[in-house]
Amino acid sequence: LLEQNRAVLVRQYREQIGDMRQTPIVRVPQHEIVWHKLDHRAGFLLSQIDGMLTFEDILDVSGMPEFEACRLLAQLLGQGVIGSRP
């Protein structure tokens, strides 16, 4: 049951993220990032956003379970910390 729900949540997070081939960009000035109270995992994902890697690339290099990485990326998008460009 847990794994079934996890798969549903991953699908929902991927829908929130959108096209995984898009390139995420940081939308918040660096000095304002601390206001968003990100944990170290979200900070690590944010550090990987360089304007060249796609969402899929970031999932690959994160070393995190897909569920966790997608959840954090969706959270960053929802907070407006990151956006995406085609």
PDB file of N, CA and C in Angstrom:
ATOM      1  N   LEU A   1       0.830  -1.191   0.000  1.00  0.00           N
ATOM      2  CA  LEU A   1       0.000   0.000   0.000  1.00  0.00           C
ATOM      3  C   LEU A   1       0.875   1.255   0.000  1.00  0.00           C
ATOM      4  N   LEU A   2       1.919   1.236   0.791  1.00  0.00           N
ATOM      5  CA  LEU A   2       2.827   2.380   0.854  1.00  0.00           C
ATOM      6  C   LEU A   2       3.467   2.648  -0.507  1.00  0.00           C
ATOM      7  N   GLU A   3       3.918   1.607  -1.166  1.00  0.00           N
ATOM      8  CA  GLU A   3       4.566   1.776  -2.470  1.00  0.00           C
ATOM      9  C   GLU A   3       3.577   2.254  -3.529  1.00  0.00           C
ATOM     10  N   GLN A   4       2.333   1.802  -3.470  1.00  0.00           N
ATOM     11  CA  GLN A   4       1.322   2.269  -4.414  1.00  0.00           C
ATOM     12  C   GLN A   4       1.071   3.766  -4.237  1.00  0.00           C
ATOM     13  N   ASN A   5       0.972   4.195  -3.009  1.00  0.00           N
ATOM     14  CA  ASN A   5       0.760   5.612  -2.731  1.00  0.00           C
ATOM     15  C   ASN A   5       1.973   6.440  -3.133  1.00  0.00           C
ATOM     16  N   ARG A   6       3.139   5.895  -2.920  1.00  0.00           N
ATOM     17  CA  ARG A   6       4.367   6.591  -3.301  1.00  0.00           C
ATOM     18  C   ARG A   6       4.397   6.816  -4.815  1.00  0.00           C
ATOM     19  N   ALA A   7       3.994   5.809  -5.572  1.00  0.00           N
ATOM     20  CA  ALA A   7       3.966   5.933  -7.032  1.00  0.00           C
ATOM     21  C   ALA A   7       2.962   7.001  -7.466  1.00  0.00           C
ATOM     22  N   VAL A   8       1.816   7.058  -6.803  1.00  0.00           N
ATOM     23  CA  VAL A   8       0.809   8.082  -7.113  1.00  0.00           C
ATOM     24  C   VAL A   8       1.363   9.466  -6.805  1.00  0.00           C
ATOM     25  N   LEU A   9       2.028   9.596  -5.672  1.00  0.00           N
ATOM     26  CA  LEU A   9       2.602  10.886  -5.295  1.00  0.00           C
ATOM     27  C   LEU A   9       3.708  11.312  -6.262  1.00  0.00           C
ATOM     28  N   VAL A  10       4.544  10.390  -6.685  1.00  0.00           N
ATOM     29  CA  VAL A  10       5.587  10.720  -7.654  1.00  0.00           C
ATOM     30  C   VAL A  10       4.944  11.232  -8.941  1.00  0.00           C
ATOM     31  N   ARG A  11       3.887  10.583  -9.380  1.00  0.00           N
ATOM     32  CA  ARG A  11       3.176  11.030 -10.584  1.00  0.00           C
ATOM     33  C   ARG A  11       2.629  12.443 -10.402  1.00  0.00           C
ATOM     34  N   GLN A  12       2.060  12.703  -9.235  1.00  0.00           N
ATOM     35  CA  GLN A  12       1.511  14.033  -8.953  1.00  0.00           C
ATOM     36  C   GLN A  12       2.614  15.085  -8.905  1.00  0.00           C
ATOM     37  N   TYR A  13       3.740  14.758  -8.279  1.00  0.00           N
ATOM     38  CA  TYR A  13       4.855  15.703  -8.230  1.00  0.00           C
ATOM     39  C   TYR A  13       5.389  15.971  -9.625  1.00  0.00           C
ATOM     40  N   ARG A  14       5.487  14.925 -10.446  1.00  0.00           N
ATOM     41  CA  ARG A  14       5.964  15.108 -11.823  1.00  0.00           C
ATOM     42  C   ARG A  14       4.998  15.981 -12.622  1.00  0.00           C
ATOM     43  N   GLU A  15       3.704  15.851 -12.350  1.00  0.00           N
ATOM     44  CA  GLU A  15       2.721  16.711 -13.022  1.00  0.00           C
ATOM     45  C   GLU A  15       2.901  18.164 -12.596  1.00  0.00           C
ATOM     46  N   GLN A  16       3.205  18.392 -11.335  1.00  0.00           N
ATOM     47  CA  GLN A  16       3.445  19.752 -10.844  1.00  0.00           C
ATOM     48  C   GLN A  16       4.699  20.339 -11.481  1.00  0.00           C
ATOM     49  N   ILE A  17       5.698  19.509 -11.665  1.00  0.00           N
ATOM     50  CA  ILE A  17       6.955  19.968 -12.265  1.00  0.00           C
ATOM     51  C   ILE A  17       6.742  20.260 -13.746  1.00  0.00           C
ATOM     52  N   GLY A  18       5.987  19.410 -14.411  1.00  0.00           N
ATOM     53  CA  GLY A  18       5.747  19.587 -15.837  1.00  0.00           C
ATOM     54  C   GLY A  18       6.721  18.765 -16.661  1.00  0.00           C
ATOM     55  N   ASP A  19       7.041  19.256 -17.833  1.00  0.00           N
ATOM     56  CA  ASP A  19       7.938  18.556 -18.747  1.00  0.00           C
ATOM     57  C   ASP A  19       9.317  18.419 -18.095  1.00  0.00           C
ATOM     58  N   MET A  20       9.720  17.199 -17.852  1.00  0.00           N
ATOM     59  CA  MET A  20      10.980  16.941 -17.153  1.00  0.00           C
ATOM     60  C   MET A  20      12.198  17.274 -18.025  1.00  0.00           C
ATOM     61  N   ARG A  21      11.960  17.573 -19.313  1.00  0.00           N
ATOM     62  CA  ARG A  21      13.062  17.955 -20.204  1.00  0.00           C
ATOM     63  C   ARG A  21      13.331  19.456 -20.163  1.00  0.00           C
ATOM     64  N   GLN A  22      12.491  20.177 -19.406  1.00  0.00           N
ATOM     65  CA  GLN A  22      12.699  21.613 -19.244  1.00  0.00           C
ATOM     66  C   GLN A  22      13.898  21.869 -18.333  1.00  0.00           C
ATOM     67  N   THR A  23      14.428  23.047 -18.465  1.00  0.00           N
ATOM     68  CA  THR A  23      15.573  23.444 -17.649  1.00  0.00           C
ATOM     69  C   THR A  23      15.092  24.349 -16.515  1.00  0.00           C
ATOM     70  N   PRO A  24      15.322  23.949 -15.278  1.00  0.00           N
ATOM     71  CA  PRO A  24      14.933  24.814 -14.161  1.00  0.00           C
ATOM     72  C   PRO A  24      15.890  25.993 -14.035  1.00  0.00           C
ATOM     73  N   ILE A  25      15.354  27.106 -13.570  1.00  0.00           N
ATOM     74  CA  ILE A  25      16.158  28.293 -13.296  1.00  0.00           C
ATOM     75  C   ILE A  25      15.809  28.802 -11.905  1.00  0.00           C
ATOM     76  N   VAL A  26      16.762  29.436 -11.263  1.00  0.00           N
ATOM     77  CA  VAL A  26      16.523  30.022  -9.945  1.00  0.00           C
ATOM     78  C   VAL A  26      15.883  31.387 -10.164  1.00  0.00           C
ATOM     79  N   ARG A  27      14.777  31.626  -9.490  1.00  0.00           N
ATOM     80  CA  ARG A  27      14.032  32.879  -9.654  1.00  0.00           C
ATOM     81  C   ARG A  27      14.220  33.842  -8.493  1.00  0.00           C
ATOM     82  N   VAL A  28      14.846  33.406  -7.444  1.00  0.00           N
ATOM     83  CA  VAL A  28      14.989  34.214  -6.244  1.00  0.00           C
ATOM     84  C   VAL A  28      16.440  34.656  -6.121  1.00  0.00           C
ATOM     85  N   PRO A  29      16.675  35.917  -5.820  1.00  0.00           N
ATOM     86  CA  PRO A  29      18.062  36.337  -5.599  1.00  0.00           C
ATOM     87  C   PRO A  29      18.705  35.511  -4.479  1.00  0.00           C
ATOM     88  N   GLN A  30      19.976  35.278  -4.617  1.00  0.00           N
ATOM     89  CA  GLN A  30      20.672  34.396  -3.681  1.00  0.00           C
ATOM     90  C   GLN A  30      20.500  34.834  -2.222  1.00  0.00           C
ATOM     91  N   HIS A  31      20.514  36.134  -1.972  1.00  0.00           N
ATOM     92  CA  HIS A  31      20.402  36.606  -0.586  1.00  0.00           C
ATOM     93  C   HIS A  31      19.002  36.389   0.002  1.00  0.00           C
ATOM     94  N   GLU A  32      18.007  36.105  -0.835  1.00  0.00           N
ATOM     95  CA  GLU A  32      16.652  35.861  -0.343  1.00  0.00           C
ATOM     96  C   GLU A  32      16.339  34.380  -0.129  1.00  0.00           C
ATOM     97  N   ILE A  33      17.193  33.515  -0.580  1.00  0.00           N
ATOM     98  CA  ILE A  33      16.941  32.072  -0.469  1.00  0.00           C
ATOM     99  C   ILE A  33      16.795  31.644   0.991  1.00  0.00           C
ATOM    100  N   VAL A  34      17.555  32.250   1.891  1.00  0.00           N
ATOM    101  CA  VAL A  34      17.480  31.870   3.311  1.00  0.00           C
ATOM    102  C   VAL A  34      16.099  32.116   3.898  1.00  0.00           C
ATOM    103  N   TRP A  35      15.314  33.006   3.322  1.00  0.00           N
ATOM    104  CA  TRP A  35      13.967  33.284   3.825  1.00  0.00           C
ATOM    105  C   TRP A  35      13.026  32.124   3.589  1.00  0.00           C
ATOM    106  N   HIS A  36      13.385  31.233   2.697  1.00  0.00           N
ATOM    107  CA  HIS A  36      12.506  30.117   2.363  1.00  0.00           C
ATOM    108  C   HIS A  36      12.711  28.897   3.256  1.00  0.00           C
ATOM    109  N   LYS A  37      13.652  28.964   4.165  1.00  0.00           N
ATOM    110  CA  LYS A  37      13.887  27.905   5.159  1.00  0.00           C
ATOM    111  C   LYS A  37      13.957  26.519   4.521  1.00  0.00           C
ATOM    112  N   LEU A  38      14.867  26.375   3.582  1.00  0.00           N
ATOM    113  CA  LEU A  38      15.034  25.096   2.889  1.00  0.00           C
ATOM    114  C   LEU A  38      15.909  24.162   3.710  1.00  0.00           C
ATOM    115  N   ASP A  39      15.597  22.878   3.666  1.00  0.00           N
ATOM    116  CA  ASP A  39      16.468  21.923   4.333  1.00  0.00           C
ATOM    117  C   ASP A  39      17.677  21.640   3.439  1.00  0.00           C
ATOM    118  N   HIS A  40      18.617  20.868   3.954  1.00  0.00           N
ATOM    119  CA  HIS A  40      19.876  20.643   3.234  1.00  0.00           C
ATOM    120  C   HIS A  40      19.663  19.912   1.911  1.00  0.00           C
ATOM    121  N   ARG A  41      18.652  19.061   1.825  1.00  0.00           N
ATOM    122  CA  ARG A  41      18.398  18.339   0.573  1.00  0.00           C
ATOM    123  C   ARG A  41      17.865  19.282  -0.504  1.00  0.00           C
ATOM    124  N   ALA A  42      16.955  20.160  -0.126  1.00  0.00           N
ATOM    125  CA  ALA A  42      16.446  21.151  -1.081  1.00  0.00           C
ATOM    126  C   ALA A  42      17.572  22.095  -1.492  1.00  0.00           C
ATOM    127  N   GLY A  43      18.425  22.454  -0.536  1.00  0.00           N
ATOM    128  CA  GLY A  43      19.572  23.300  -0.854  1.00  0.00           C
ATOM    129  C   GLY A  43      20.514  22.626  -1.834  1.00  0.00           C
ATOM    130  N   PHE A  44      20.708  21.329  -1.663  1.00  0.00           N
ATOM    131  CA  PHE A  44      21.568  20.601  -2.594  1.00  0.00           C
ATOM    132  C   PHE A  44      20.969  20.607  -3.994  1.00  0.00           C
ATOM    133  N   LEU A  45      19.668  20.315  -4.106  1.00  0.00           N
ATOM    134  CA  LEU A  45      19.029  20.338  -5.423  1.00  0.00           C
ATOM    135  C   LEU A  45      19.136  21.729  -6.039  1.00  0.00           C
ATOM    136  N   LEU A  46      18.922  22.741  -5.227  1.00  0.00           N
ATOM    137  CA  LEU A  46      19.022  24.110  -5.714  1.00  0.00           C
ATOM    138  C   LEU A  46      20.428  24.412  -6.227  1.00  0.00           C
ATOM    139  N   SER A  47      21.427  23.851  -5.567  1.00  0.00           N
ATOM    140  CA  SER A  47      22.807  24.091  -6.000  1.00  0.00           C
ATOM    141  C   SER A  47      23.116  23.434  -7.343  1.00  0.00           C
ATOM    142  N   GLN A  48      22.308  22.478  -7.746  1.00  0.00           N
ATOM    143  CA  GLN A  48      22.518  21.801  -9.024  1.00  0.00           C
ATOM    144  C   GLN A  48      21.882  22.545 -10.200  1.00  0.00           C
ATOM    145  N   ILE A  49      21.060  23.526  -9.895  1.00  0.00           N
ATOM    146  CA  ILE A  49      20.367  24.274 -10.945  1.00  0.00           C
ATOM    147  C   ILE A  49      21.322  25.326 -11.493  1.00  0.00           C
ATOM    148  N   ASP A  50      21.828  25.028 -12.681  1.00  0.00           N
ATOM    149  CA  ASP A  50      22.855  25.881 -13.287  1.00  0.00           C
ATOM    150  C   ASP A  50      22.425  26.470 -14.626  1.00  0.00           C
ATOM    151  N   GLY A  51      21.169  26.273 -14.994  1.00  0.00           N
ATOM    152  CA  GLY A  51      20.683  26.786 -16.266  1.00  0.00           C
ATOM    153  C   GLY A  51      20.998  25.883 -17.444  1.00  0.00           C
ATOM    154  N   MET A  52      21.652  24.757 -17.190  1.00  0.00           N
ATOM    155  CA  MET A  52      21.984  23.827 -18.262  1.00  0.00           C
ATOM    156  C   MET A  52      21.350  22.456 -18.052  1.00  0.00           C
ATOM    157  N   LEU A  53      21.281  22.002 -16.801  1.00  0.00           N
ATOM    158  CA  LEU A  53      20.712  20.689 -16.504  1.00  0.00           C
ATOM    159  C   LEU A  53      19.194  20.744 -16.543  1.00  0.00           C
ATOM    160  N   THR A  54      18.579  19.698 -17.062  1.00  0.00           N
ATOM    161  CA  THR A  54      17.124  19.585 -17.059  1.00  0.00           C
ATOM    162  C   THR A  54      16.670  19.008 -15.715  1.00  0.00           C
ATOM    163  N   PHE A  55      15.364  18.998 -15.513  1.00  0.00           N
ATOM    164  CA  PHE A  55      14.836  18.360 -14.306  1.00  0.00           C
ATOM    165  C   PHE A  55      15.258  16.896 -14.242  1.00  0.00           C
ATOM    166  N   GLU A  56      15.185  16.195 -15.381  1.00  0.00           N
ATOM    167  CA  GLU A  56      15.610  14.786 -15.418  1.00  0.00           C
ATOM    168  C   GLU A  56      17.076  14.648 -15.028  1.00  0.00           C
ATOM    169  N   ASP A  57      17.923  15.537 -15.552  1.00  0.00           N
ATOM    170  CA  ASP A  57      19.342  15.493 -15.207  1.00  0.00           C
ATOM    171  C   ASP A  57      19.547  15.658 -13.706  1.00  0.00           C
ATOM    172  N   ILE A  58      18.814  16.590 -13.131  1.00  0.00           N
ATOM    173  CA  ILE A  58      18.948  16.859 -11.694  1.00  0.00           C
ATOM    174  C   ILE A  58      18.503  15.647 -10.884  1.00  0.00           C
ATOM    175  N   LEU A  59      17.429  14.978 -11.322  1.00  0.00           N
ATOM    176  CA  LEU A  59      17.021  13.738 -10.644  1.00  0.00           C
ATOM    177  C   LEU A  59      18.140  12.705 -10.709  1.00  0.00           C
ATOM    178  N   ASP A  60      18.782  12.610 -11.862  1.00  0.00           N
ATOM    179  CA  ASP A  60      19.855  11.628 -12.041  1.00  0.00           C
ATOM    180  C   ASP A  60      21.065  11.907 -11.150  1.00  0.00           C
ATOM    181  N   VAL A  61      21.462  13.165 -11.048  1.00  0.00           N
ATOM    182  CA  VAL A  61      22.676  13.490 -10.286  1.00  0.00           C
ATOM    183  C   VAL A  61      22.415  13.670  -8.794  1.00  0.00           C
ATOM    184  N   SER A  62      21.143  13.736  -8.413  1.00  0.00           N
ATOM    185  CA  SER A  62      20.835  14.020  -7.009  1.00  0.00           C
ATOM    186  C   SER A  62      21.246  12.900  -6.061  1.00  0.00           C
ATOM    187  N   GLY A  63      21.178  11.656  -6.537  1.00  0.00           N
ATOM    188  CA  GLY A  63      21.464  10.537  -5.652  1.00  0.00           C
ATOM    189  C   GLY A  63      20.344  10.268  -4.658  1.00  0.00           C
ATOM    190  N   MET A  64      19.224  10.954  -4.821  1.00  0.00           N
ATOM    191  CA  MET A  64      18.082  10.796  -3.922  1.00  0.00           C
ATOM    192  C   MET A  64      17.063   9.854  -4.558  1.00  0.00           C
ATOM    193  N   PRO A  65      16.235   9.240  -3.737  1.00  0.00           N
ATOM    194  CA  PRO A  65      15.112   8.498  -4.307  1.00  0.00           C
ATOM    195  C   PRO A  65      14.238   9.450  -5.128  1.00  0.00           C
ATOM    196  N   GLU A  66      13.650   8.937  -6.205  1.00  0.00           N
ATOM    197  CA  GLU A  66      12.843   9.773  -7.092  1.00  0.00           C
ATOM    198  C   GLU A  66      11.740  10.498  -6.330  1.00  0.00           C
ATOM    199  N   PHE A  67      11.091   9.794  -5.412  1.00  0.00           N
ATOM    200  CA  PHE A  67      10.020  10.397  -4.623  1.00  0.00           C
ATOM    201  C   PHE A  67      10.504  11.657  -3.920  1.00  0.00           C
ATOM    202  N   GLU A  68      11.634  11.558  -3.247  1.00  0.00           N
ATOM    203  CA  GLU A  68      12.149  12.681  -2.453  1.00  0.00           C
ATOM    204  C   GLU A  68      12.570  13.839  -3.344  1.00  0.00           C
ATOM    205  N   ALA A  69      13.292  13.552  -4.409  1.00  0.00           N
ATOM    206  CA  ALA A  69      13.764  14.611  -5.307  1.00  0.00           C
ATOM    207  C   ALA A  69      12.590  15.308  -5.982  1.00  0.00           C
ATOM    208  N   CYS A  70      11.615  14.560  -6.445  1.00  0.00           N
ATOM    209  CA  CYS A  70      10.447  15.170  -7.089  1.00  0.00           C
ATOM    210  C   CYS A  70       9.649  16.009  -6.096  1.00  0.00           C
ATOM    211  N   ARG A  71       9.509  15.510  -4.888  1.00  0.00           N
ATOM    212  CA  ARG A  71       8.783  16.259  -3.855  1.00  0.00           C
ATOM    213  C   ARG A  71       9.446  17.600  -3.603  1.00  0.00           C
ATOM    214  N   LEU A  72      10.773  17.586  -3.472  1.00  0.00           N
ATOM    215  CA  LEU A  72      11.511  18.820  -3.193  1.00  0.00           C
ATOM    216  C   LEU A  72      11.483  19.781  -4.375  1.00  0.00           C
ATOM    217  N   LEU A  73      11.617  19.266  -5.591  1.00  0.00           N
ATOM    218  CA  LEU A  73      11.552  20.137  -6.766  1.00  0.00           C
ATOM    219  C   LEU A  73      10.163  20.767  -6.891  1.00  0.00           C
ATOM    220  N   ALA A  74       9.117  19.985  -6.656  1.00  0.00           N
ATOM    221  CA  ALA A  74       7.755  20.523  -6.697  1.00  0.00           C
ATOM    222  C   ALA A  74       7.569  21.589  -5.614  1.00  0.00           C
ATOM    223  N   GLN A  75       8.161  21.361  -4.457  1.00  0.00           N
ATOM    224  CA  GLN A  75       8.091  22.335  -3.367  1.00  0.00           C
ATOM    225  C   GLN A  75       8.798  23.630  -3.772  1.00  0.00           C
ATOM    226  N   LEU A  76       9.981  23.525  -4.345  1.00  0.00           N
ATOM    227  CA  LEU A  76      10.717  24.711  -4.785  1.00  0.00           C
ATOM    228  C   LEU A  76       9.946  25.481  -5.848  1.00  0.00           C
ATOM    229  N   LEU A  77       9.314  24.765  -6.759  1.00  0.00           N
ATOM    230  CA  LEU A  77       8.473  25.409  -7.774  1.00  0.00           C
ATOM    231  C   LEU A  77       7.281  26.104  -7.124  1.00  0.00           C
ATOM    232  N   GLY A  78       6.633  25.408  -6.213  1.00  0.00           N
ATOM    233  CA  GLY A  78       5.463  25.959  -5.538  1.00  0.00           C
ATOM    234  C   GLY A  78       5.766  27.207  -4.737  1.00  0.00           C
ATOM    235  N   GLN A  79       6.958  27.278  -4.185  1.00  0.00           N
ATOM    236  CA  GLN A  79       7.367  28.450  -3.409  1.00  0.00           C
ATOM    237  C   GLN A  79       7.873  29.576  -4.295  1.00  0.00           C
ATOM    238  N   GLY A  80       8.017  29.293  -5.589  1.00  0.00           N
ATOM    239  CA  GLY A  80       8.510  30.317  -6.492  1.00  0.00           C
ATOM    240  C   GLY A  80      10.020  30.507  -6.443  1.00  0.00           C
ATOM    241  N   VAL A  81      10.717  29.599  -5.771  1.00  0.00           N
ATOM    242  CA  VAL A  81      12.171  29.690  -5.690  1.00  0.00           C
ATOM    243  C   VAL A  81      12.788  29.386  -7.039  1.00  0.00           C
ATOM    244  N   ILE A  82      12.188  28.415  -7.737  1.00  0.00           N
ATOM    245  CA  ILE A  82      12.660  28.075  -9.081  1.00  0.00           C
ATOM    246  C   ILE A  82      11.499  28.166 -10.067  1.00  0.00           C
ATOM    247  N   GLY A  83      11.856  28.268 -11.318  1.00  0.00           N
ATOM    248  CA  GLY A  83      10.893  28.226 -12.409  1.00  0.00           C
ATOM    249  C   GLY A  83      11.501  27.326 -13.470  1.00  0.00           C
ATOM    250  N   SER A  84      10.941  27.366 -14.654  1.00  0.00           N
ATOM    251  CA  SER A  84      11.515  26.544 -15.713  1.00  0.00           C
ATOM    252  C   SER A  84      11.440  27.281 -17.037  1.00  0.00           C
ATOM    253  N   ARG A  85      12.314  26.857 -17.921  1.00  0.00           N
ATOM    254  CA  ARG A  85      12.292  27.356 -19.295  1.00  0.00           C
ATOM    255  C   ARG A  85      12.453  26.158 -20.207  1.00  0.00           C
ATOM    256  N   PRO A  86      11.857  26.240 -21.394  1.00  0.00           N
ATOM    257  CA  PRO A  86      11.926  25.101 -22.322  1.00  0.00           C
ATOM    258  C   PRO A  86      13.351  24.771 -22.736  1.00  0.00           C
TER     259      PRO A  86
END
